[in-house]
């Protein structure tokens, strides 16, 4: 499965505008990840109205519980 991830970065610090990351799999858009200073959101492909939102604390809890552990490169 080939993934394509594109980011639109307008600034170095996320302040008043979300960082948008488009995620595609085999050329088909999966959705858009929206990163802000207050939370992280997922907007699925084909859904421009409803998003899924997590606080940073909730995201950290979920990734700790369900994320795969891999060795970090130094």
PDB file of N, CA and C in Angstrom:
ATOM      1  N   UNK A   1       0.839  -1.158   0.000  1.00  0.00           N
ATOM      2  CA  UNK A   1       0.000   0.000   0.000  1.00  0.00           C
ATOM      3  C   UNK A   1       0.898   1.240   0.000  1.00  0.00           C
ATOM      4  N   UNK A   2       0.811   2.017  -1.042  1.00  0.00           N
ATOM      5  CA  UNK A   2       1.605   3.236  -1.145  1.00  0.00           C
ATOM      6  C   UNK A   2       0.807   4.416  -0.591  1.00  0.00           C
ATOM      7  N   UNK A   3       1.434   5.182   0.264  1.00  0.00           N
ATOM      8  CA  UNK A   3       0.790   6.363   0.835  1.00  0.00           C
ATOM      9  C   UNK A   3       1.484   7.615   0.333  1.00  0.00           C
ATOM     10  N   UNK A   4       0.712   8.647   0.146  1.00  0.00           N
ATOM     11  CA  UNK A   4       1.242   9.949  -0.232  1.00  0.00           C
ATOM     12  C   UNK A   4       0.741  10.935   0.809  1.00  0.00           C
ATOM     13  N   UNK A   5       1.667  11.663   1.412  1.00  0.00           N
ATOM     14  CA  UNK A   5       1.320  12.634   2.440  1.00  0.00           C
ATOM     15  C   UNK A   5       1.861  13.986   2.012  1.00  0.00           C
ATOM     16  N   UNK A   6       0.979  14.965   1.934  1.00  0.00           N
ATOM     17  CA  UNK A   6       1.377  16.320   1.536  1.00  0.00           C
ATOM     18  C   UNK A   6       0.983  17.297   2.625  1.00  0.00           C
ATOM     19  N   UNK A   7       1.876  18.233   2.910  1.00  0.00           N
ATOM     20  CA  UNK A   7       1.604  19.234   3.938  1.00  0.00           C
ATOM     21  C   UNK A   7       1.646  20.620   3.314  1.00  0.00           C
ATOM     22  N   UNK A   8       0.743  21.466   3.761  1.00  0.00           N
ATOM     23  CA  UNK A   8       0.762  22.878   3.387  1.00  0.00           C
ATOM     24  C   UNK A   8       1.172  23.635   4.627  1.00  0.00           C
ATOM     25  N   UNK A   9       2.386  24.167   4.607  1.00  0.00           N
ATOM     26  CA  UNK A   9       2.927  24.842   5.783  1.00  0.00           C
ATOM     27  C   UNK A   9       3.090  26.325   5.456  1.00  0.00           C
ATOM     28  N   UNK A  10       2.288  27.144   6.124  1.00  0.00           N
ATOM     29  CA  UNK A  10       2.345  28.584   5.905  1.00  0.00           C
ATOM     30  C   UNK A  10       3.205  29.292   6.941  1.00  0.00           C
ATOM     31  N   UNK A  11       3.501  28.615   8.038  1.00  0.00           N
ATOM     32  CA  UNK A  11       4.232  29.241   9.126  1.00  0.00           C
ATOM     33  C   UNK A  11       4.984  28.181   9.923  1.00  0.00           C
ATOM     34  N   UNK A  12       5.960  28.588  10.682  1.00  0.00           N
ATOM     35  CA  UNK A  12       6.719  27.656  11.508  1.00  0.00           C
ATOM     36  C   UNK A  12       5.980  27.322  12.796  1.00  0.00           C
ATOM     37  N   UNK A  13       5.156  28.247  13.300  1.00  0.00           N
ATOM     38  CA  UNK A  13       4.410  28.044  14.535  1.00  0.00           C
ATOM     39  C   UNK A  13       2.923  28.010  14.188  1.00  0.00           C
ATOM     40  N   UNK A  14       2.232  26.971  14.647  1.00  0.00           N
ATOM     41  CA  UNK A  14       0.800  26.883  14.404  1.00  0.00           C
ATOM     42  C   UNK A  14       0.122  27.841  15.375  1.00  0.00           C
ATOM     43  N   UNK A  15      -0.480  28.886  14.844  1.00  0.00           N
ATOM     44  CA  UNK A  15      -1.090  29.896  15.708  1.00  0.00           C
ATOM     45  C   UNK A  15      -2.575  30.033  15.389  1.00  0.00           C
ATOM     46  N   UNK A  16      -2.909  30.829  14.379  1.00  0.00           N
ATOM     47  CA  UNK A  16      -4.302  31.118  14.064  1.00  0.00           C
ATOM     48  C   UNK A  16      -4.801  30.341  12.849  1.00  0.00           C
ATOM     49  N   UNK A  17      -3.943  29.597  12.218  1.00  0.00           N
ATOM     50  CA  UNK A  17      -4.312  28.854  11.022  1.00  0.00           C
ATOM     51  C   UNK A  17      -3.834  27.418  11.183  1.00  0.00           C
ATOM     52  N   UNK A  18      -4.725  26.451  10.879  1.00  0.00           N
ATOM     53  CA  UNK A  18      -4.371  25.038  11.017  1.00  0.00           C
ATOM     54  C   UNK A  18      -3.303  24.626  10.012  1.00  0.00           C
ATOM     55  N   UNK A  19      -2.481  23.682  10.421  1.00  0.00           N
ATOM     56  CA  UNK A  19      -1.571  23.007   9.513  1.00  0.00           C
ATOM     57  C   UNK A  19      -2.391  21.901   8.864  1.00  0.00           C
ATOM     58  N   UNK A  20      -2.452  21.871   7.529  1.00  0.00           N
ATOM     59  CA  UNK A  20      -3.248  20.882   6.810  1.00  0.00           C
ATOM     60  C   UNK A  20      -2.341  19.848   6.171  1.00  0.00           C
ATOM     61  N   UNK A  21      -2.630  18.575   6.439  1.00  0.00           N
ATOM     62  CA  UNK A  21      -1.872  17.474   5.847  1.00  0.00           C
ATOM     63  C   UNK A  21      -2.850  16.579   5.109  1.00  0.00           C
ATOM     64  N   UNK A  22      -2.677  16.462   3.796  1.00  0.00           N
ATOM     65  CA  UNK A  22      -3.521  15.602   2.969  1.00  0.00           C
ATOM     66  C   UNK A  22      -2.896  14.220   2.895  1.00  0.00           C
ATOM     67  N   UNK A  23      -3.710  13.188   3.126  1.00  0.00           N
ATOM     68  CA  UNK A  23      -3.228  11.815   3.123  1.00  0.00           C
ATOM     69  C   UNK A  23      -3.937  11.035   2.029  1.00  0.00           C
ATOM     70  N   UNK A  24      -3.134  10.388   1.150  1.00  0.00           N
ATOM     71  CA  UNK A  24      -3.670   9.567   0.074  1.00  0.00           C
ATOM     72  C   UNK A  24      -3.103   8.164   0.166  1.00  0.00           C
ATOM     73  N   UNK A  25      -3.871   7.196  -0.302  1.00  0.00           N
ATOM     74  CA  UNK A  25      -3.439   5.811  -0.364  1.00  0.00           C
ATOM     75  C   UNK A  25      -3.711   5.296  -1.764  1.00  0.00           C
ATOM     76  N   UNK A  26      -2.656   4.850  -2.450  1.00  0.00           N
ATOM     77  CA  UNK A  26      -2.770   4.369  -3.834  1.00  0.00           C
ATOM     78  C   UNK A  26      -3.491   5.383  -4.727  1.00  0.00           C
ATOM     79  N   UNK A  27      -3.168   6.655  -4.560  1.00  0.00           N
ATOM     80  CA  UNK A  27      -3.726   7.713  -5.392  1.00  0.00           C
ATOM     81  C   UNK A  27      -5.104   8.188  -4.986  1.00  0.00           C
ATOM     82  N   UNK A  28      -5.716   7.550  -4.008  1.00  0.00           N
ATOM     83  CA  UNK A  28      -7.052   7.912  -3.558  1.00  0.00           C
ATOM     84  C   UNK A  28      -6.963   8.636  -2.210  1.00  0.00           C
ATOM     85  N   UNK A  29      -7.627   9.774  -2.101  1.00  0.00           N
ATOM     86  CA  UNK A  29      -7.549  10.576  -0.886  1.00  0.00           C
ATOM     87  C   UNK A  29      -8.272   9.879   0.268  1.00  0.00           C
ATOM     88  N   UNK A  30      -7.538   9.703   1.383  1.00  0.00           N
ATOM     89  CA  UNK A  30      -8.136   9.151   2.596  1.00  0.00           C
ATOM     90  C   UNK A  30      -8.794  10.252   3.423  1.00  0.00           C
ATOM     91  N   UNK A  31      -8.137  11.416   3.479  1.00  0.00           N
ATOM     92  CA  UNK A  31      -8.667  12.531   4.246  1.00  0.00           C
ATOM     93  C   UNK A  31      -7.620  13.580   4.495  1.00  0.00           C
ATOM     94  N   UNK A  32      -7.961  14.525   5.345  1.00  0.00           N
ATOM     95  CA  UNK A  32      -7.073  15.632   5.685  1.00  0.00           C
ATOM     96  C   UNK A  32      -6.932  15.711   7.195  1.00  0.00           C
ATOM     97  N   UNK A  33      -5.693  15.786   7.641  1.00  0.00           N
ATOM     98  CA  UNK A  33      -5.385  15.953   9.059  1.00  0.00           C
ATOM     99  C   UNK A  33      -5.181  17.436   9.307  1.00  0.00           C
ATOM    100  N   UNK A  34      -5.896  17.988  10.280  1.00  0.00           N
ATOM    101  CA  UNK A  34      -5.802  19.402  10.615  1.00  0.00           C
ATOM    102  C   UNK A  34      -5.176  19.517  12.001  1.00  0.00           C
ATOM    103  N   UNK A  35      -4.051  20.200  12.078  1.00  0.00           N
ATOM    104  CA  UNK A  35      -3.321  20.327  13.338  1.00  0.00           C
ATOM    105  C   UNK A  35      -3.352  21.793  13.772  1.00  0.00           C
ATOM    106  N   UNK A  36      -3.819  22.011  14.988  1.00  0.00           N
ATOM    107  CA  UNK A  36      -3.847  23.366  15.537  1.00  0.00           C
ATOM    108  C   UNK A  36      -3.224  23.341  16.929  1.00  0.00           C
ATOM    109  N   UNK A  37      -3.076  24.494  17.522  1.00  0.00           N
ATOM    110  CA  UNK A  37      -2.482  24.528  18.855  1.00  0.00           C
ATOM    111  C   UNK A  37      -3.434  23.961  19.907  1.00  0.00           C
ATOM    112  N   UNK A  38      -4.721  23.889  19.613  1.00  0.00           N
ATOM    113  CA  UNK A  38      -5.694  23.402  20.582  1.00  0.00           C
ATOM    114  C   UNK A  38      -6.068  21.947  20.453  1.00  0.00           C
ATOM    115  N   UNK A  39      -5.991  21.391  19.237  1.00  0.00           N
ATOM    116  CA  UNK A  39      -6.420  20.015  19.027  1.00  0.00           C
ATOM    117  C   UNK A  39      -5.928  19.487  17.682  1.00  0.00           C
ATOM    118  N   UNK A  40      -6.288  18.247  17.414  1.00  0.00           N
ATOM    119  CA  UNK A  40      -5.981  17.602  16.149  1.00  0.00           C
ATOM    120  C   UNK A  40      -7.310  17.091  15.589  1.00  0.00           C
ATOM    121  N   UNK A  41      -7.537  17.278  14.283  1.00  0.00           N
ATOM    122  CA  UNK A  41      -8.805  16.887  13.666  1.00  0.00           C
ATOM    123  C   UNK A  41      -8.554  16.066  12.407  1.00  0.00           C
ATOM    124  N   UNK A  42      -9.499  15.183  12.104  1.00  0.00           N
ATOM    125  CA  UNK A  42      -9.457  14.375  10.885  1.00  0.00           C
ATOM    126  C   UNK A  42     -10.717  14.665  10.089  1.00  0.00           C
ATOM    127  N   UNK A  43     -10.536  15.091   8.821  1.00  0.00           N
ATOM    128  CA  UNK A  43     -11.655  15.318   7.907  1.00  0.00           C
ATOM    129  C   UNK A  43     -11.582  14.241   6.834  1.00  0.00           C
ATOM    130  N   UNK A  44     -12.472  13.231   6.902  1.00  0.00           N
ATOM    131  CA  UNK A  44     -12.433  12.146   5.918  1.00  0.00           C
ATOM    132  C   UNK A  44     -12.698  12.653   4.506  1.00  0.00           C
ATOM    133  N   UNK A  45     -12.180  11.929   3.535  1.00  0.00           N
ATOM    134  CA  UNK A  45     -12.405  12.263   2.136  1.00  0.00           C
ATOM    135  C   UNK A  45     -13.900  12.277   1.838  1.00  0.00           C
ATOM    136  N   UNK A  46     -14.344  13.248   1.071  1.00  0.00           N
ATOM    137  CA  UNK A  46     -15.750  13.337   0.685  1.00  0.00           C
ATOM    138  C   UNK A  46     -16.647  13.919   1.764  1.00  0.00           C
ATOM    139  N   UNK A  47     -16.068  14.376   2.862  1.00  0.00           N
ATOM    140  CA  UNK A  47     -16.856  14.934   3.947  1.00  0.00           C
ATOM    141  C   UNK A  47     -16.297  16.307   4.296  1.00  0.00           C
ATOM    142  N   UNK A  48     -16.885  17.337   3.750  1.00  0.00           N
ATOM    143  CA  UNK A  48     -16.374  18.685   3.989  1.00  0.00           C
ATOM    144  C   UNK A  48     -17.059  19.369   5.169  1.00  0.00           C
ATOM    145  N   UNK A  49     -18.036  18.695   5.790  1.00  0.00           N
ATOM    146  CA  UNK A  49     -18.804  19.312   6.864  1.00  0.00           C
ATOM    147  C   UNK A  49     -18.386  18.793   8.241  1.00  0.00           C
ATOM    148  N   UNK A  50     -18.304  17.487   8.401  1.00  0.00           N
ATOM    149  CA  UNK A  50     -18.038  16.897   9.712  1.00  0.00           C
ATOM    150  C   UNK A  50     -16.599  16.436   9.837  1.00  0.00           C
ATOM    151  N   UNK A  51     -16.001  16.758  11.001  1.00  0.00           N
ATOM    152  CA  UNK A  51     -14.636  16.356  11.309  1.00  0.00           C
ATOM    153  C   UNK A  51     -14.656  15.569  12.609  1.00  0.00           C
ATOM    154  N   UNK A  52     -13.616  14.796  12.833  1.00  0.00           N
ATOM    155  CA  UNK A  52     -13.399  14.122  14.107  1.00  0.00           C
ATOM    156  C   UNK A  52     -12.320  14.902  14.836  1.00  0.00           C
ATOM    157  N   UNK A  53     -12.561  15.251  16.095  1.00  0.00           N
ATOM    158  CA  UNK A  53     -11.641  16.102  16.846  1.00  0.00           C
ATOM    159  C   UNK A  53     -11.178  15.398  18.116  1.00  0.00           C
ATOM    160  N   UNK A  54      -9.881  15.567  18.412  1.00  0.00           N
ATOM    161  CA  UNK A  54      -9.304  15.089  19.660  1.00  0.00           C
ATOM    162  C   UNK A  54      -8.478  16.206  20.277  1.00  0.00           C
ATOM    163  N   UNK A  55      -8.538  16.305  21.597  1.00  0.00           N
ATOM    164  CA  UNK A  55      -7.619  17.210  22.283  1.00  0.00           C
ATOM    165  C   UNK A  55      -6.234  16.572  22.204  1.00  0.00           C
ATOM    166  N   UNK A  56      -5.210  17.351  22.453  1.00  0.00           N
ATOM    167  CA  UNK A  56      -3.853  16.806  22.433  1.00  0.00           C
ATOM    168  C   UNK A  56      -3.662  15.769  23.531  1.00  0.00           C
ATOM    169  N   UNK A  57      -4.298  15.974  24.685  1.00  0.00           N
ATOM    170  CA  UNK A  57      -4.201  14.991  25.768  1.00  0.00           C
ATOM    171  C   UNK A  57      -4.853  13.671  25.375  1.00  0.00           C
ATOM    172  N   UNK A  58      -6.020  13.736  24.776  1.00  0.00           N
ATOM    173  CA  UNK A  58      -6.726  12.519  24.340  1.00  0.00           C
ATOM    174  C   UNK A  58      -5.940  11.820  23.232  1.00  0.00           C
ATOM    175  N   UNK A  59      -5.379  12.589  22.304  1.00  0.00           N
ATOM    176  CA  UNK A  59      -4.559  12.014  21.237  1.00  0.00           C
ATOM    177  C   UNK A  59      -3.357  11.270  21.833  1.00  0.00           C
ATOM    178  N   UNK A  60      -2.692  11.902  22.809  1.00  0.00           N
ATOM    179  CA  UNK A  60      -1.534  11.272  23.458  1.00  0.00           C
ATOM    180  C   UNK A  60      -1.938   9.969  24.135  1.00  0.00           C
ATOM    181  N   UNK A  61      -3.090   9.955  24.816  1.00  0.00           N
ATOM    182  CA  UNK A  61      -3.585   8.734  25.451  1.00  0.00           C
ATOM    183  C   UNK A  61      -3.832   7.630  24.413  1.00  0.00           C
ATOM    184  N   UNK A  62      -4.497   7.980  23.321  1.00  0.00           N
ATOM    185  CA  UNK A  62      -4.817   6.981  22.287  1.00  0.00           C
ATOM    186  C   UNK A  62      -3.563   6.419  21.622  1.00  0.00           C
ATOM    187  N   UNK A  63      -2.615   7.277  21.303  1.00  0.00           N
ATOM    188  CA  UNK A  63      -1.403   6.805  20.628  1.00  0.00           C
ATOM    189  C   UNK A  63      -0.567   5.944  21.573  1.00  0.00           C
ATOM    190  N   UNK A  64      -0.572   6.276  22.866  1.00  0.00           N
ATOM    191  CA  UNK A  64       0.146   5.454  23.852  1.00  0.00           C
ATOM    192  C   UNK A  64      -0.484   4.067  23.973  1.00  0.00           C
ATOM    193  N   UNK A  65      -1.804   4.006  23.967  1.00  0.00           N
ATOM    194  CA  UNK A  65      -2.520   2.738  24.138  1.00  0.00           C
ATOM    195  C   UNK A  65      -2.559   1.893  22.868  1.00  0.00           C
ATOM    196  N   UNK A  66      -2.710   2.525  21.703  1.00  0.00           N
ATOM    197  CA  UNK A  66      -2.969   1.789  20.464  1.00  0.00           C
ATOM    198  C   UNK A  66      -1.885   1.913  19.406  1.00  0.00           C
ATOM    199  N   UNK A  67      -0.931   2.800  19.612  1.00  0.00           N
ATOM    200  CA  UNK A  67       0.134   2.990  18.631  1.00  0.00           C
ATOM    201  C   UNK A  67       1.166   1.868  18.691  1.00  0.00           C
ATOM    202  N   UNK A  68       1.744   1.561  17.554  1.00  0.00           N
ATOM    203  CA  UNK A  68       2.788   0.545  17.468  1.00  0.00           C
ATOM    204  C   UNK A  68       4.120   1.160  17.921  1.00  0.00           C
ATOM    205  N   UNK A  69       4.835   0.462  18.777  1.00  0.00           N
ATOM    206  CA  UNK A  69       6.126   0.942  19.249  1.00  0.00           C
ATOM    207  C   UNK A  69       7.194   0.632  18.198  1.00  0.00           C
ATOM    208  N   UNK A  70       7.930   1.663  17.807  1.00  0.00           N
ATOM    209  CA  UNK A  70       9.045   1.501  16.865  1.00  0.00           C
ATOM    210  C   UNK A  70      10.248   2.253  17.412  1.00  0.00           C
ATOM    211  N   UNK A  71      11.428   1.821  17.034  1.00  0.00           N
ATOM    212  CA  UNK A  71      12.661   2.460  17.492  1.00  0.00           C
ATOM    213  C   UNK A  71      12.821   3.816  16.805  1.00  0.00           C
ATOM    214  N   UNK A  72      13.072   4.854  17.598  1.00  0.00           N
ATOM    215  CA  UNK A  72      13.283   6.200  17.063  1.00  0.00           C
ATOM    216  C   UNK A  72      14.701   6.331  16.539  1.00  0.00           C
ATOM    217  N   UNK A  73      14.831   7.014  15.387  1.00  0.00           N
ATOM    218  CA  UNK A  73      16.163   7.293  14.850  1.00  0.00           C
ATOM    219  C   UNK A  73      16.732   8.495  15.565  1.00  0.00           C
ATOM    220  N   UNK A  74      18.021   8.469  15.836  1.00  0.00           N
ATOM    221  CA  UNK A  74      18.670   9.581  16.530  1.00  0.00           C
ATOM    222  C   UNK A  74      19.276  10.544  15.559  1.00  0.00           C
TER     223      UNK A  74
END
